[in-house]
C-alpha atoms as a PDB file:
ATOM      1  CA  UNK A   1       0.000   0.000   0.000  1.00  0.00           C
ATOM      2  CA  UNK A   2       2.823   2.430   0.832  1.00  0.00           C
ATOM      3  CA  UNK A   3       4.332   1.989  -2.641  1.00  0.00           C
ATOM      4  CA  UNK A   4       1.025   2.973  -4.245  1.00  0.00           C
ATOM      5  CA  UNK A   5       0.695   5.987  -1.932  1.00  0.00           C
ATOM      6  CA  UNK A   6       4.220   7.124  -2.834  1.00  0.00           C
ATOM      7  CA  UNK A   7       3.580   6.770  -6.552  1.00  0.00           C
ATOM      8  CA  UNK A   8       0.260   8.633  -6.447  1.00  0.00           C
ATOM      9  CA  UNK A   9       1.523  11.367  -4.124  1.00  0.00           C
ATOM     10  CA  UNK A  10       4.681  11.724  -6.201  1.00  0.00           C
ATOM     11  CA  UNK A  11       2.625  12.425  -9.306  1.00  0.00           C
ATOM     12  CA  UNK A  12       0.350  14.819  -7.381  1.00  0.00           C
ATOM     13  CA  UNK A  13       3.310  16.751  -5.925  1.00  0.00           C
ATOM     14  CA  UNK A  14       4.883  17.089  -9.362  1.00  0.00           C
ATOM     15  CA  UNK A  15       1.615  18.249 -10.961  1.00  0.00           C
ATOM     16  CA  UNK A  16       1.121  20.833  -8.193  1.00  0.00           C
ATOM     17  CA  UNK A  17       4.723  22.054  -8.628  1.00  0.00           C
ATOM     18  CA  UNK A  18       4.342  22.428 -12.395  1.00  0.00           C
ATOM     19  CA  UNK A  19       0.980  24.153 -11.935  1.00  0.00           C
ATOM     20  CA  UNK A  20       2.620  26.561  -9.485  1.00  0.00           C
ATOM     21  CA  UNK A  21       5.447  27.320 -11.917  1.00  0.00           C
ATOM     22  CA  UNK A  22       2.946  27.979 -14.722  1.00  0.00           C
ATOM     23  CA  UNK A  23       0.489  30.109 -12.709  1.00  0.00           C
ATOM     24  CA  UNK A  24       3.163  31.719 -10.568  1.00  0.00           C
ATOM     25  CA  UNK A  25       0.978  32.926  -7.700  1.00  0.00           C
ATOM     26  CA  UNK A  26      -1.851  30.550  -6.830  1.00  0.00           C
ATOM     27  CA  UNK A  27      -2.686  26.861  -6.934  1.00  0.00           C
ATOM     28  CA  UNK A  28      -6.398  26.630  -6.244  1.00  0.00           C
ATOM     29  CA  UNK A  29      -6.772  28.765  -3.096  1.00  0.00           C
ATOM     30  CA  UNK A  30      -3.139  28.476  -1.952  1.00  0.00           C
ATOM     31  CA  UNK A  31      -0.534  31.166  -2.491  1.00  0.00           C
ATOM     32  CA  UNK A  32       2.729  29.696  -3.828  1.00  0.00           C
ATOM     33  CA  UNK A  33       6.162  30.958  -4.749  1.00  0.00           C
ATOM     34  CA  UNK A  34       9.222  29.522  -6.480  1.00  0.00           C
ATOM     35  CA  UNK A  35      10.698  27.996  -3.298  1.00  0.00           C
ATOM     36  CA  UNK A  36       7.355  26.362  -2.509  1.00  0.00           C
ATOM     37  CA  UNK A  37       7.179  24.906  -6.014  1.00  0.00           C
ATOM     38  CA  UNK A  38      10.725  23.552  -5.799  1.00  0.00           C
ATOM     39  CA  UNK A  39       9.924  21.840  -2.483  1.00  0.00           C
ATOM     40  CA  UNK A  40       6.870  20.196  -4.045  1.00  0.00           C
ATOM     41  CA  UNK A  41       8.866  19.148  -7.110  1.00  0.00           C
ATOM     42  CA  UNK A  42      11.645  17.594  -5.016  1.00  0.00           C
ATOM     43  CA  UNK A  43       9.101  15.918  -2.716  1.00  0.00           C
ATOM     44  CA  UNK A  44       7.345  14.453  -5.745  1.00  0.00           C
ATOM     45  CA  UNK A  45      10.538  13.127  -7.283  1.00  0.00           C
ATOM     46  CA  UNK A  46      11.631  11.625  -3.966  1.00  0.00           C
ATOM     47  CA  UNK A  47       8.191  10.054  -3.458  1.00  0.00           C
ATOM     48  CA  UNK A  48       8.311   8.451  -6.904  1.00  0.00           C
ATOM     49  CA  UNK A  49      11.810   7.114  -6.308  1.00  0.00           C
ATOM     50  CA  UNK A  50      10.743   5.617  -2.981  1.00  0.00           C
ATOM     51  CA  UNK A  51       7.601   4.204  -4.581  1.00  0.00           C
ATOM     52  CA  UNK A  52       9.595   2.334  -7.195  1.00  0.00           C
ATOM     53  CA  UNK A  53      12.454   1.197  -4.903  1.00  0.00           C
ATOM     54  CA  UNK A  54      10.294  -0.954  -2.664  1.00  0.00           C
ATOM     55  CA  UNK A  55       7.866  -1.238   0.229  1.00  0.00           C
ATOM     56  CA  UNK A  56      10.371  -0.623   3.014  1.00  0.00           C
ATOM     57  CA  UNK A  57      11.585   2.657   1.543  1.00  0.00           C
ATOM     58  CA  UNK A  58       8.006   3.658   0.693  1.00  0.00           C
ATOM     59  CA  UNK A  59       6.835   3.082   4.251  1.00  0.00           C
ATOM     60  CA  UNK A  60       9.713   5.181   5.582  1.00  0.00           C
ATOM     61  CA  UNK A  61       8.866   7.976   3.153  1.00  0.00           C
ATOM     62  CA  UNK A  62       5.200   7.933   4.196  1.00  0.00           C
ATOM     63  CA  UNK A  63       6.038   8.100   7.902  1.00  0.00           C
ATOM     64  CA  UNK A  64       8.722  10.791   7.674  1.00  0.00           C
ATOM     65  CA  UNK A  65       7.008  13.014   5.126  1.00  0.00           C
ATOM     66  CA  UNK A  66       3.657  12.592   6.879  1.00  0.00           C
ATOM     67  CA  UNK A  67       5.226  13.852  10.092  1.00  0.00           C
ATOM     68  CA  UNK A  68       7.026  16.738   8.356  1.00  0.00           C
ATOM     69  CA  UNK A  69       4.011  17.896   6.355  1.00  0.00           C
ATOM     70  CA  UNK A  70       1.800  17.457   9.437  1.00  0.00           C
ATOM     71  CA  UNK A  71       4.111  19.753  11.411  1.00  0.00           C
ATOM     72  CA  UNK A  72       4.123  22.291   8.574  1.00  0.00           C
ATOM     73  CA  UNK A  73       0.303  22.210   8.513  1.00  0.00           C
ATOM     74  CA  UNK A  74       0.115  22.803  12.275  1.00  0.00           C
ATOM     75  CA  UNK A  75       2.545  25.724  11.981  1.00  0.00           C
ATOM     76  CA  UNK A  76       0.417  27.115   9.149  1.00  0.00           C
ATOM     77  CA  UNK A  77      -2.743  26.925  11.249  1.00  0.00           C
ATOM     78  CA  UNK A  78      -0.915  28.677  14.084  1.00  0.00           C
ATOM     79  CA  UNK A  79       0.123  31.386  11.581  1.00  0.00           C
ATOM     80  CA  UNK A  80       3.829  31.025  12.390  1.00  0.00           C
ATOM     81  CA  UNK A  81       5.819  33.448  10.228  1.00  0.00           C
ATOM     82  CA  UNK A  82       9.389  33.087   9.012  1.00  0.00           C
END
């Protein structure tokens, strides 16, 4: 299951990054910038690599990136600035 999640999320991250590069300011309701797009692009590539390497690497990716993105979401809700 983790390999499928990595493959799907990898494609989604890459699509969102490309969309952000094309639009330049917004993806749906979210404001994006070049650094944000690069992070999504790298996350997508890494997710795809982990998805094709095997289940152990995929599970590790899901756990670590889930924790990191969860923390980023919490900080966003708390309106923590740079």
